[in-house]
Amino acid sequence: MWSKKKTDTKKPGDSDPTNLQTNQPSKPASAFLEGATRMNKDVMRPAEETAGRAPSRLGSSLHLKGEISGNEDLDIDGTVEGLVHIDEWKLTVGTTAKLTADIIAGEVTVYGSVKGNVRGKGKVEIKKDGSVNGDLTTAQIIIEDGAYFKGSIEIEKSAEKEGGKNVLSRKASASATPVADTGPRSI
């Protein structure tokens, strides 16, 4: 009499959570974290992979006193006093840039103003409205018509072309007058 058996009465639409099955395996918490890490991989990217990235930029309203060094391309549009050292990478001195600095880079392109010595391991290029007042050391120099240059130029043969011999150089000096020519020239 007191032992009535409870019957299993389910309403339509109810489901038993213990028997729930899906076609997709459940994602552990680590998969969520892995997705979050995937978004921030640029922070820890090796230097070799930065070649395909956009260059870093120092904007026109910024003024920096000191040393800039790094392992990626750099565009400067502001004012820099000191040293810019980006060894094997490309430096672009923008039209609004004013550098009172020595420069060491793989390749240097000048659209603005540079007062200081420039060492471009690959090439140095002074564009039409660019100006450089200082000594240049490079393997290749391009000075466009209308550019201003005052200083000396030391052309270095690259060590790869020399095949392990001592690095030879030629010296040339330029006067403090704008370059007048029919177009870009390369030495």
Protein backbone atom coordinates (compact mmCIF):
# COMPACT_ATOMS: atom_id res chain seq x y z
CA MET A 1 0.00 0.00 0.00
CA TRP A 2 2.67 2.47 0.88
CA SER A 3 5.01 1.14 -1.72
CA LYS A 4 3.78 2.74 -4.87
CA LYS A 5 6.29 2.58 -7.60
CA LYS A 6 7.00 5.91 -9.22
CA THR A 7 6.55 5.72 -12.94
CA ASP A 8 8.90 7.47 -15.32
CA THR A 9 6.87 10.24 -16.78
CA LYS A 10 8.69 12.50 -19.22
CA LYS A 11 7.19 15.46 -20.86
CA PRO A 12 7.82 15.90 -24.57
CA GLY A 13 10.88 18.12 -25.18
CA ASP A 14 12.64 17.09 -21.96
CA SER A 15 15.94 15.38 -22.42
CA ASP A 16 18.08 13.35 -20.14
CA PRO A 17 21.37 15.28 -19.67
CA THR A 18 23.34 12.15 -18.96
CA ASN A 19 22.50 10.68 -22.35
CA LEU A 20 23.07 13.85 -24.40
CA GLN A 21 25.28 13.19 -27.42
CA THR A 22 26.69 15.59 -29.99
CA ASN A 23 28.53 15.10 -33.23
CA GLN A 24 31.40 17.37 -32.11
CA PRO A 25 33.84 16.56 -29.33
CA SER A 26 33.78 19.00 -26.47
CA LYS A 27 36.51 21.66 -26.37
CA PRO A 28 38.70 21.62 -23.31
CA ALA A 29 39.55 24.94 -21.64
CA SER A 30 43.07 24.82 -23.10
CA ALA A 31 41.62 25.09 -26.63
CA PHE A 32 40.05 28.40 -25.68
CA LEU A 33 43.34 29.68 -24.34
CA GLU A 34 45.12 28.44 -27.45
CA GLY A 35 42.80 30.57 -29.58
CA ALA A 36 43.57 33.63 -27.44
CA THR A 37 47.30 32.98 -27.78
CA ARG A 38 46.97 32.65 -31.53
CA MET A 39 45.80 36.26 -31.76
CA ASN A 40 48.89 37.61 -29.97
CA LYS A 41 51.66 35.73 -31.78
CA ASP A 42 53.08 38.97 -33.27
CA VAL A 43 54.36 39.91 -29.84
CA MET A 44 56.79 36.99 -29.76
CA ARG A 45 57.60 36.76 -33.48
CA PRO A 46 61.27 35.99 -34.27
CA ALA A 47 63.30 38.71 -36.02
CA GLU A 48 63.52 36.69 -39.25
CA GLU A 49 59.75 36.91 -39.67
CA THR A 50 59.54 40.72 -39.39
CA ALA A 51 60.67 41.17 -43.00
CA GLY A 52 57.08 40.82 -44.23
CA ARG A 53 55.66 43.19 -41.62
CA ALA A 54 55.07 46.91 -41.98
CA PRO A 55 57.96 49.01 -40.64
CA SER A 56 57.84 50.65 -37.22
CA ARG A 57 57.12 54.36 -37.38
CA LEU A 58 58.18 57.42 -35.41
CA GLY A 59 55.49 60.01 -36.17
CA SER A 60 56.01 63.63 -37.19
CA SER A 61 54.94 65.07 -33.82
CA LEU A 62 57.46 62.97 -31.88
CA HIS A 63 60.86 64.22 -30.70
CA LEU A 64 63.42 61.72 -29.45
CA LYS A 65 66.79 62.35 -27.80
CA GLY A 66 68.98 59.29 -27.34
CA GLU A 67 69.59 56.02 -29.13
CA ILE A 68 67.25 54.01 -31.32
CA SER A 69 68.24 50.41 -31.96
CA GLY A 70 66.29 47.42 -33.17
CA ASN A 71 65.83 44.50 -35.53
CA GLU A 72 63.17 45.73 -37.92
CA ASP A 73 62.55 48.34 -40.59
CA LEU A 74 61.94 51.89 -39.35
CA ASP A 75 60.26 54.98 -40.82
CA ILE A 76 61.08 58.27 -39.08
CA ASP A 77 58.94 61.36 -39.68
CA GLY A 78 59.74 63.18 -36.44
CA THR A 79 62.88 64.67 -34.87
CA VAL A 80 65.74 62.51 -33.62
CA GLU A 81 68.92 63.60 -31.85
CA GLY A 82 71.48 60.88 -31.09
CA LEU A 83 72.09 57.52 -32.78
CA VAL A 84 69.91 55.33 -35.00
CA HIS A 85 71.26 51.78 -35.21
CA ILE A 86 69.14 49.16 -36.99
CA ASP A 87 72.06 47.16 -38.40
CA GLU A 88 70.71 45.04 -41.31
CA TRP A 89 67.30 46.73 -41.68
CA LYS A 90 65.88 49.57 -43.78
CA LEU A 91 65.62 53.13 -42.47
CA THR A 92 63.42 55.66 -44.24
CA VAL A 93 63.84 59.31 -43.26
CA GLY A 94 60.50 60.91 -44.17
CA THR A 95 59.89 64.33 -45.70
CA THR A 96 59.07 65.92 -42.31
CA ALA A 97 61.96 64.22 -40.48
CA LYS A 98 64.89 66.15 -39.03
CA LEU A 99 67.71 63.92 -37.79
CA THR A 100 70.77 65.21 -36.00
CA ALA A 101 72.13 61.74 -35.61
CA ASP A 102 74.60 59.16 -36.82
CA ILE A 103 72.89 56.36 -38.72
CA ILE A 104 73.86 52.70 -39.12
CA ALA A 105 71.45 50.61 -41.17
CA GLY A 106 71.31 48.04 -43.92
CA GLU A 107 69.67 50.48 -46.32
CA VAL A 108 68.95 54.19 -45.88
CA THR A 109 66.50 56.31 -47.92
CA VAL A 110 66.43 60.05 -47.16
CA TYR A 111 63.45 62.25 -48.09
CA GLY A 112 64.00 64.71 -45.19
CA SER A 113 67.02 66.21 -43.45
CA VAL A 114 69.99 64.38 -41.90
CA LYS A 115 72.92 66.03 -40.11
CA GLY A 116 75.38 63.30 -39.18
CA ASN A 117 77.34 60.39 -40.58
CA VAL A 118 75.41 57.73 -42.46
CA ARG A 119 76.49 54.13 -42.88
CA GLY A 120 74.29 52.06 -45.17
CA LYS A 121 75.63 48.54 -45.48
CA GLY A 122 73.65 47.93 -48.69
CA LYS A 123 72.86 51.34 -50.15
CA VAL A 124 72.15 54.97 -49.32
CA GLU A 125 69.62 56.87 -51.39
CA ILE A 126 69.05 60.65 -51.15
CA LYS A 127 65.76 61.60 -52.80
CA LYS A 128 64.94 64.81 -54.68
CA ASP A 129 64.07 66.98 -51.66
CA GLY A 130 66.33 65.15 -49.20
CA SER A 131 69.46 66.58 -47.64
CA VAL A 132 72.46 64.97 -45.95
CA ASN A 133 75.21 66.94 -44.22
CA GLY A 134 77.77 64.35 -43.14
CA ASP A 135 79.97 61.53 -44.35
CA LEU A 136 78.48 58.53 -46.16
CA THR A 137 79.85 54.99 -46.08
CA THR A 138 78.05 52.49 -48.28
CA ALA A 139 78.36 49.92 -51.06
CA GLN A 140 75.94 51.82 -53.35
CA ILE A 141 74.93 55.50 -53.43
CA ILE A 142 72.02 57.08 -55.32
CA ILE A 143 71.62 60.87 -55.26
CA GLU A 144 68.62 62.21 -57.18
CA ASP A 145 68.51 65.51 -59.06
CA GLY A 146 67.74 68.34 -56.62
CA ALA A 147 69.04 66.52 -53.53
CA TYR A 148 71.51 68.28 -51.22
CA PHE A 149 74.67 66.58 -50.01
CA LYS A 150 77.73 67.92 -48.20
CA GLY A 151 80.41 65.56 -46.97
CA SER A 152 82.51 62.69 -48.19
CA ILE A 153 81.50 59.37 -49.69
CA GLU A 154 83.32 56.13 -49.00
CA ILE A 155 82.29 53.27 -51.24
CA GLU A 156 82.85 49.84 -49.70
CA LYS A 157 82.86 46.70 -51.75
CA SER A 158 80.71 44.16 -50.01
CA ALA A 159 82.54 41.33 -48.26
CA GLU A 160 80.47 38.77 -50.20
CA LYS A 161 81.79 40.05 -53.54
CA GLU A 162 85.36 40.14 -52.27
CA GLY A 163 85.30 36.46 -51.40
CA GLY A 164 86.97 36.91 -48.01
CA LYS A 165 89.64 39.43 -49.12
CA ASN A 166 90.23 42.65 -47.26
CA VAL A 167 87.48 45.18 -47.86
CA LEU A 168 88.67 47.88 -50.26
CA SER A 169 87.18 51.33 -50.54
CA ARG A 170 87.22 54.38 -52.78
CA LYS A 171 86.85 57.89 -51.43
CA ALA A 172 85.10 60.82 -53.03
CA SER A 173 84.12 64.19 -51.65
CA ALA A 174 81.28 66.46 -52.61
CA SER A 175 80.86 70.22 -52.36
CA ALA A 176 78.06 71.97 -50.48
CA THR A 177 75.93 72.53 -53.58
CA PRO A 178 72.79 70.78 -54.70
CA VAL A 179 73.35 67.97 -57.16
CA ALA A 180 72.27 68.85 -60.69
CA ASP A 181 71.85 65.92 -63.04
CA THR A 182 69.28 64.47 -65.40
CA GLY A 183 68.18 61.70 -63.06
CA PRO A 184 69.20 59.21 -60.41
CA ARG A 185 72.69 57.88 -60.61
CA SER A 186 74.34 54.95 -58.94
CA ILE A 187 78.00 54.50 -58.15
